[in-house]
N, C-alpha and C. Protein backbone atom coordinates (compact mmCIF):
# COMPACT_ATOMS: atom_id res chain seq x y z
N MET A 1 154.36 156.28 205.59
CA MET A 1 153.41 155.78 204.73
C MET A 1 153.39 156.60 203.50
N ASN A 2 153.13 155.86 202.33
CA ASN A 2 153.18 156.46 201.11
C ASN A 2 151.81 156.16 200.33
N LYS A 3 151.27 156.97 199.63
CA LYS A 3 150.02 156.58 198.87
C LYS A 3 150.28 155.57 197.87
N LEU A 4 149.47 154.71 197.61
CA LEU A 4 149.59 153.48 196.72
C LEU A 4 149.27 153.83 195.34
N SER A 5 150.19 153.84 194.47
CA SER A 5 149.99 153.77 193.06
C SER A 5 151.09 152.99 192.33
N LYS A 6 150.85 152.66 191.08
CA LYS A 6 151.88 151.95 190.38
C LYS A 6 153.05 152.66 190.13
N ILE A 7 153.04 153.88 190.12
CA ILE A 7 154.08 154.75 189.93
C ILE A 7 154.92 154.71 191.14
N SER A 8 154.31 154.99 192.43
CA SER A 8 155.14 154.91 193.57
C SER A 8 155.64 153.79 193.75
N ILE A 9 155.07 152.62 193.45
CA ILE A 9 155.69 151.22 193.76
C ILE A 9 156.87 151.10 192.82
N ARG A 10 156.64 151.54 191.53
CA ARG A 10 157.77 151.27 190.57
C ARG A 10 159.07 152.17 190.90
N LYS A 11 158.79 153.30 191.41
CA LYS A 11 160.04 154.28 191.81
C LYS A 11 160.60 153.47 193.17
N LEU A 12 159.85 153.04 194.06
CA LEU A 12 160.37 152.27 195.09
C LEU A 12 161.13 151.14 194.77
N ALA A 13 160.75 150.26 193.86
CA ALA A 13 161.25 148.98 193.34
C ALA A 13 162.58 149.33 192.76
N ASP A 14 162.60 150.44 191.89
CA ASP A 14 163.65 150.71 191.09
C ASP A 14 164.85 151.16 192.08
N ASN A 15 164.45 151.96 193.05
CA ASN A 15 165.43 152.70 194.09
C ASN A 15 165.99 151.54 194.86
N ILE A 16 165.09 150.51 195.47
CA ILE A 16 165.69 149.55 196.07
C ILE A 16 166.60 148.53 195.41
N ALA A 17 166.10 148.12 194.24
CA ALA A 17 166.90 147.17 193.43
C ALA A 17 168.17 147.72 193.02
N ALA A 18 168.37 149.08 192.82
CA ALA A 18 169.57 149.67 192.40
C ALA A 18 170.70 149.60 193.62
N ARG A 19 170.07 149.43 194.86
CA ARG A 19 171.04 149.53 196.02
C ARG A 19 171.08 148.30 196.84
N SER A 20 170.40 147.15 196.51
CA SER A 20 170.14 146.16 197.41
C SER A 20 170.61 144.79 196.69
N THR A 21 170.89 143.77 197.44
CA THR A 21 170.96 142.35 197.01
C THR A 21 170.21 141.40 197.77
N SER A 22 170.05 140.43 197.24
CA SER A 22 169.20 139.18 198.00
C SER A 22 170.17 138.09 198.11
N ASN A 23 170.82 137.75 199.13
CA ASN A 23 171.79 136.69 199.28
C ASN A 23 172.89 136.98 198.33
N GLY A 24 173.36 138.14 198.02
CA GLY A 24 174.51 138.42 197.23
C GLY A 24 173.96 138.62 195.81
N THR A 25 172.96 138.43 195.49
CA THR A 25 172.53 138.55 193.98
C THR A 25 171.70 139.91 193.83
N ARG A 26 172.00 140.56 192.77
CA ARG A 26 171.39 141.87 192.47
C ARG A 26 169.96 141.54 192.24
N LEU A 27 169.04 142.51 192.62
CA LEU A 27 167.52 142.33 192.45
C LEU A 27 167.15 142.79 191.05
N ASP A 28 166.34 142.02 190.45
CA ASP A 28 165.77 142.49 189.17
C ASP A 28 164.64 143.46 189.46
N PRO A 29 164.81 144.58 188.98
CA PRO A 29 163.87 145.63 189.31
C PRO A 29 162.52 145.27 188.75
N ASP A 30 162.24 144.69 187.56
CA ASP A 30 160.86 144.33 187.08
C ASP A 30 160.22 143.38 188.00
N ALA A 31 161.04 142.31 188.28
CA ALA A 31 160.49 141.29 189.19
C ALA A 31 160.13 141.79 190.64
N PHE A 32 161.08 142.57 191.17
CA PHE A 32 160.83 143.25 192.44
C PHE A 32 159.60 144.03 192.43
N TYR A 33 159.46 144.74 191.21
CA TYR A 33 158.15 145.77 191.16
C TYR A 33 157.02 144.86 191.21
N GLU A 34 156.91 143.77 190.38
CA GLU A 34 155.63 142.93 190.31
C GLU A 34 155.49 142.31 191.70
N ASN A 35 156.48 142.00 192.42
CA ASN A 35 156.29 141.45 193.88
C ASN A 35 155.71 142.42 194.85
N LEU A 36 156.30 143.66 194.74
CA LEU A 36 155.85 144.69 195.59
C LEU A 36 154.39 145.13 195.31
N TRP A 37 153.95 145.10 193.98
CA TRP A 37 152.81 145.39 193.63
C TRP A 37 151.73 144.46 194.01
N GLU A 38 152.05 143.27 193.96
CA GLU A 38 151.16 142.09 194.26
C GLU A 38 150.97 142.14 195.88
N THR A 39 152.18 142.48 196.68
CA THR A 39 152.07 142.41 197.95
C THR A 39 151.46 143.56 198.68
N THR A 40 151.36 144.68 198.13
CA THR A 40 150.95 146.09 198.60
C THR A 40 149.51 146.32 198.04
N ARG A 41 149.16 145.74 197.03
CA ARG A 41 147.83 146.41 196.40
C ARG A 41 146.54 146.07 197.13
N ARG A 42 146.65 145.23 198.10
CA ARG A 42 145.41 144.83 198.85
C ARG A 42 145.80 145.05 200.28
N CYS A 43 144.83 145.42 201.06
CA CYS A 43 144.96 145.59 202.57
C CYS A 43 145.44 144.29 203.23
N ILE A 44 146.43 144.54 204.03
CA ILE A 44 146.92 143.36 204.87
C ILE A 44 145.84 142.61 205.75
N PHE A 45 144.83 143.41 206.19
CA PHE A 45 143.96 142.91 207.15
C PHE A 45 142.57 142.53 206.44
N CYS A 46 142.12 143.25 205.56
CA CYS A 46 140.66 143.09 204.98
C CYS A 46 140.70 142.82 203.42
N SER A 47 141.84 142.86 202.78
CA SER A 47 141.96 142.56 201.35
C SER A 47 141.15 143.60 200.43
N LYS A 48 140.78 144.68 200.95
CA LYS A 48 140.23 145.75 200.12
C LYS A 48 141.31 146.33 199.41
N PRO A 49 141.12 147.23 198.32
CA PRO A 49 142.27 147.95 197.69
C PRO A 49 142.86 148.77 198.69
N SER A 50 144.33 148.86 198.62
CA SER A 50 145.09 149.69 199.58
C SER A 50 144.95 151.10 199.13
N TYR A 51 145.11 151.87 200.15
CA TYR A 51 145.11 153.29 199.96
C TYR A 51 146.57 153.73 200.26
N VAL A 52 147.35 153.10 201.19
CA VAL A 52 148.71 153.38 201.38
C VAL A 52 149.46 152.17 201.43
N PHE A 53 150.75 152.32 201.39
CA PHE A 53 151.67 151.13 201.64
C PHE A 53 152.80 151.41 202.63
N GLY A 54 153.31 150.44 203.32
CA GLY A 54 154.41 150.64 204.19
C GLY A 54 155.37 149.59 204.20
N ILE A 55 156.34 149.88 204.93
CA ILE A 55 157.61 148.98 205.08
C ILE A 55 157.82 148.57 206.57
N LEU A 56 157.87 147.35 206.78
CA LEU A 56 158.26 146.92 208.19
C LEU A 56 159.65 146.44 208.07
N ASP A 57 160.53 147.09 208.96
CA ASP A 57 162.01 146.46 209.17
C ASP A 57 162.00 145.94 210.43
N PRO A 58 161.92 144.57 210.66
CA PRO A 58 161.87 143.81 211.89
C PRO A 58 163.19 144.14 212.54
N SER A 59 163.23 144.68 213.83
CA SER A 59 164.43 144.87 214.50
C SER A 59 164.59 143.97 215.78
N GLY A 60 165.48 144.10 216.51
CA GLY A 60 165.74 143.13 217.51
C GLY A 60 164.50 142.86 218.52
N HIS A 61 163.61 143.82 218.60
CA HIS A 61 162.32 143.56 219.48
C HIS A 61 161.25 143.01 218.80
N SER A 62 161.48 142.77 217.46
CA SER A 62 160.36 142.17 216.67
C SER A 62 160.00 140.69 217.07
N ASP A 63 158.97 140.13 216.55
CA ASP A 63 158.64 138.66 216.59
C ASP A 63 159.95 137.92 216.01
N PRO A 64 160.38 136.96 216.65
CA PRO A 64 161.50 136.00 216.31
C PRO A 64 161.22 135.61 214.87
N VAL A 65 159.88 135.16 214.59
CA VAL A 65 159.50 134.69 213.23
C VAL A 65 159.86 135.52 212.19
N LEU A 66 159.88 136.86 212.34
CA LEU A 66 160.34 137.72 211.25
C LEU A 66 161.62 137.86 210.98
N ARG A 67 162.45 137.52 212.04
CA ARG A 67 163.93 137.65 212.04
C ARG A 67 164.54 136.31 211.72
N SER A 68 163.90 135.28 211.72
CA SER A 68 164.43 133.85 211.41
C SER A 68 165.05 133.82 210.02
N GLY A 69 166.24 132.93 210.00
CA GLY A 69 167.11 133.01 208.88
C GLY A 69 167.85 133.98 208.45
N LEU A 70 168.13 135.05 209.19
CA LEU A 70 168.92 136.22 208.87
C LEU A 70 170.32 135.97 209.54
N ALA A 71 171.34 136.09 208.66
CA ALA A 71 172.69 136.09 209.12
C ALA A 71 172.94 137.42 209.75
N LYS A 72 173.99 137.49 210.52
CA LYS A 72 174.45 138.73 211.28
C LYS A 72 174.69 139.86 210.18
N GLY A 73 174.17 140.95 210.29
CA GLY A 73 174.34 142.00 209.34
C GLY A 73 173.38 142.04 208.22
N GLN A 74 172.53 140.94 208.13
CA GLN A 74 171.47 140.94 207.07
C GLN A 74 170.23 141.67 207.65
N ALA A 75 169.40 142.19 206.71
CA ALA A 75 168.23 142.86 207.02
C ALA A 75 167.10 142.31 206.12
N ARG A 76 165.80 142.42 206.60
CA ARG A 76 164.60 141.99 205.92
C ARG A 76 163.76 143.07 205.94
N PHE A 77 163.00 143.42 204.77
CA PHE A 77 162.03 144.48 204.70
C PHE A 77 160.77 143.86 204.25
N LEU A 78 159.74 144.08 205.07
CA LEU A 78 158.27 143.51 204.68
C LEU A 78 157.52 144.66 204.25
N PHE A 79 156.83 144.49 203.12
CA PHE A 79 156.04 145.49 202.54
C PHE A 79 154.50 144.98 202.79
N TYR A 80 153.63 145.96 202.92
CA TYR A 80 152.21 145.81 203.23
C TYR A 80 151.52 146.95 202.73
N GLY A 81 150.02 146.86 202.49
CA GLY A 81 149.19 147.69 202.17
C GLY A 81 148.05 147.86 203.17
N LEU A 82 147.58 149.05 203.26
CA LEU A 82 146.35 149.34 204.23
C LEU A 82 145.21 150.20 203.38
N CYS A 83 144.00 149.63 203.62
CA CYS A 83 142.90 150.35 203.13
C CYS A 83 142.73 151.56 203.74
N VAL A 84 141.73 152.52 203.42
CA VAL A 84 141.55 153.84 204.13
C VAL A 84 141.03 153.54 205.46
N LYS A 85 140.07 152.54 205.59
CA LYS A 85 139.39 152.21 206.84
C LYS A 85 140.60 151.85 207.93
N CYS A 86 141.29 150.72 207.35
CA CYS A 86 142.36 150.06 208.33
C CYS A 86 143.30 150.99 208.65
N TYR A 87 143.83 151.91 207.74
CA TYR A 87 144.79 152.88 207.90
C TYR A 87 144.29 153.82 209.13
N GLN A 88 143.11 154.12 209.23
CA GLN A 88 142.63 155.15 210.13
C GLN A 88 142.42 154.46 211.62
N GLU A 89 142.58 153.20 211.79
CA GLU A 89 142.32 152.53 213.09
C GLU A 89 143.67 152.82 213.91
N GLU A 90 143.37 153.22 215.04
CA GLU A 90 144.37 153.50 216.05
C GLU A 90 145.57 152.62 216.18
N ASP A 91 145.12 151.16 216.16
CA ASP A 91 146.26 150.23 216.46
C ASP A 91 146.64 149.54 215.18
N ALA A 92 146.46 150.17 214.06
CA ALA A 92 146.81 149.47 212.87
C ALA A 92 148.32 149.07 212.70
N PHE A 93 149.12 150.02 213.17
CA PHE A 93 150.57 149.76 212.95
C PHE A 93 151.05 148.74 213.88
N GLU A 94 150.60 148.63 215.09
CA GLU A 94 150.79 147.59 215.97
C GLU A 94 150.52 146.23 215.49
N ARG A 95 149.26 146.19 214.76
CA ARG A 95 148.60 145.00 214.23
C ARG A 95 149.44 144.30 213.20
N VAL A 96 150.01 145.31 212.31
CA VAL A 96 150.70 144.96 211.23
C VAL A 96 151.86 143.94 211.42
N GLU A 97 152.76 144.01 212.36
CA GLU A 97 153.79 143.10 212.74
C GLU A 97 153.21 141.76 213.17
N ASP A 98 152.10 141.86 213.97
CA ASP A 98 151.47 140.65 214.45
C ASP A 98 150.93 139.81 213.27
N LYS A 99 150.33 140.43 212.37
CA LYS A 99 149.56 139.81 211.07
C LYS A 99 150.74 139.24 210.22
N ILE A 100 151.74 139.93 209.95
CA ILE A 100 152.85 139.47 209.01
C ILE A 100 153.46 138.25 209.76
N ALA A 101 153.59 138.27 211.09
CA ALA A 101 154.27 137.14 211.77
C ALA A 101 153.38 135.87 211.77
N ASP A 102 152.05 136.13 212.01
CA ASP A 102 151.08 135.01 211.98
C ASP A 102 151.09 134.29 210.68
N ASP A 103 151.10 135.12 209.52
CA ASP A 103 151.07 134.69 208.16
C ASP A 103 152.21 133.88 207.86
N SER A 104 153.45 134.35 208.27
CA SER A 104 154.65 133.64 208.05
C SER A 104 154.72 132.52 208.79
N LEU A 105 154.31 132.41 210.10
CA LEU A 105 154.20 131.03 210.83
C LEU A 105 153.21 130.00 210.33
N GLU A 106 152.06 130.59 209.74
CA GLU A 106 151.23 129.79 209.12
C GLU A 106 151.75 129.17 207.79
N GLU A 107 152.40 129.80 207.06
CA GLU A 107 153.10 129.37 205.88
C GLU A 107 154.10 128.23 206.14
N ALA A 108 154.91 128.50 207.25
CA ALA A 108 155.96 127.64 207.58
C ALA A 108 155.29 126.30 208.18
N ASN A 109 154.39 126.37 208.85
CA ASN A 109 153.61 125.21 209.48
C ASN A 109 153.09 124.42 208.11
N PHE A 110 152.44 125.09 207.27
CA PHE A 110 151.94 124.48 206.10
C PHE A 110 152.88 123.75 205.25
N ARG A 111 153.98 124.48 205.15
CA ARG A 111 155.20 123.70 204.33
C ARG A 111 155.61 122.48 205.03
N ALA A 112 155.64 122.56 206.52
CA ALA A 112 156.22 121.39 207.26
C ALA A 112 155.10 120.27 207.12
N GLU A 113 153.78 120.50 207.04
CA GLU A 113 152.83 119.52 206.94
C GLU A 113 153.02 118.88 205.37
N LEU A 114 153.13 119.69 204.43
CA LEU A 114 153.45 119.08 203.16
C LEU A 114 154.67 118.38 203.04
N ASP A 115 155.68 118.84 203.61
CA ASP A 115 156.80 117.87 203.67
C ASP A 115 156.73 116.63 204.30
N ALA A 116 155.99 116.61 205.48
CA ALA A 116 155.78 115.54 206.13
C ALA A 116 154.83 114.36 205.32
N ALA A 117 154.09 115.04 204.34
CA ALA A 117 153.10 114.26 203.55
C ALA A 117 153.92 113.86 202.30
N GLY A 118 155.02 114.30 201.98
CA GLY A 118 155.90 114.01 200.89
C GLY A 118 155.59 114.99 199.58
N ALA A 119 154.96 116.00 199.93
CA ALA A 119 154.57 117.05 198.86
C ALA A 119 155.61 118.19 198.91
N THR A 120 155.66 118.85 197.82
CA THR A 120 156.47 119.92 197.69
C THR A 120 155.58 121.18 197.26
N TYR A 121 155.86 122.31 198.09
CA TYR A 121 155.25 123.50 197.78
C TYR A 121 156.09 124.48 197.10
N THR A 122 155.85 125.24 196.09
CA THR A 122 156.70 126.25 195.62
C THR A 122 156.00 127.63 195.47
N LYS A 123 156.66 128.73 195.33
CA LYS A 123 156.07 129.99 195.03
C LYS A 123 155.96 130.23 193.53
N GLU A 124 156.38 129.25 192.68
CA GLU A 124 156.12 129.31 191.31
C GLU A 124 154.80 129.35 190.84
N THR A 125 154.39 130.09 189.92
CA THR A 125 152.97 130.26 189.40
C THR A 125 152.63 129.37 188.20
N ALA A 126 151.59 128.60 188.32
CA ALA A 126 151.12 127.74 187.26
C ALA A 126 150.57 128.61 186.11
N SER A 127 150.49 128.15 184.96
CA SER A 127 149.90 128.85 183.69
C SER A 127 148.50 129.44 184.14
N ASP A 128 147.64 128.95 185.08
CA ASP A 128 146.38 129.64 185.32
C ASP A 128 146.50 130.67 186.42
N GLY A 129 147.78 131.10 186.92
CA GLY A 129 147.88 132.15 187.75
C GLY A 129 147.89 131.66 189.24
N THR A 130 147.79 130.38 189.52
CA THR A 130 147.70 129.92 190.95
C THR A 130 149.14 129.28 191.34
N ASP A 131 149.35 129.24 192.64
CA ASP A 131 150.55 128.57 193.19
C ASP A 131 150.22 127.09 192.97
N TRP A 132 151.25 126.16 192.83
CA TRP A 132 150.86 124.92 192.73
C TRP A 132 151.67 124.00 193.68
N ILE A 133 151.21 122.81 193.94
CA ILE A 133 151.71 121.86 194.83
C ILE A 133 152.03 120.48 194.08
N CYS A 134 153.15 120.06 194.24
CA CYS A 134 153.62 118.86 193.53
C CYS A 134 153.68 117.82 194.52
N ILE A 135 152.78 116.72 194.34
CA ILE A 135 152.82 115.57 195.38
C ILE A 135 153.48 114.35 194.78
N SER A 136 154.35 113.82 195.58
CA SER A 136 155.14 112.60 195.11
C SER A 136 154.29 111.46 195.86
N HIS A 137 154.07 110.52 195.06
CA HIS A 137 153.43 109.27 195.58
C HIS A 137 154.39 108.20 195.54
N PRO A 138 154.50 107.24 196.53
CA PRO A 138 155.45 106.12 196.51
C PRO A 138 155.13 105.32 195.20
N GLY A 139 156.21 105.00 194.71
CA GLY A 139 156.12 104.09 193.27
C GLY A 139 155.71 104.94 192.18
N ALA A 140 155.62 106.21 192.27
CA ALA A 140 155.30 106.94 190.98
C ALA A 140 156.56 106.99 190.18
N VAL A 141 156.41 107.19 188.97
CA VAL A 141 157.54 107.31 187.92
C VAL A 141 157.84 108.65 187.57
N ALA A 142 158.99 109.06 187.84
CA ALA A 142 159.41 110.46 187.69
C ALA A 142 159.54 110.83 186.27
């Protein structure tokens, strides 16, 4: 665990981006930093400001939801933050993997429901800072 600060997140992002790829493409250190900061600045459990951040590397014994979509030899690193109170709880680290897996499964189910309804969800951000959903209606003009 490392204390959370923009400096520590920037150093981590630069270090990882210099040595890693995502599906064969080099990581953009600035975009990676923004994503890391957004992911770790709030506690994964209670959304209070984070005190520390951590990295979860799902291994063979991890929830299959966290390992889905990985080819042999690929790895996935999941970042999270914890506030002072949650960091001090005895079972915090055991609960982190469950929380990340539950959130991933919830998002996958949400996307499946949208797909069944003919809508598309994207991680792109609208000008107002929110994620947006594009809904196609039968007979709509593109």
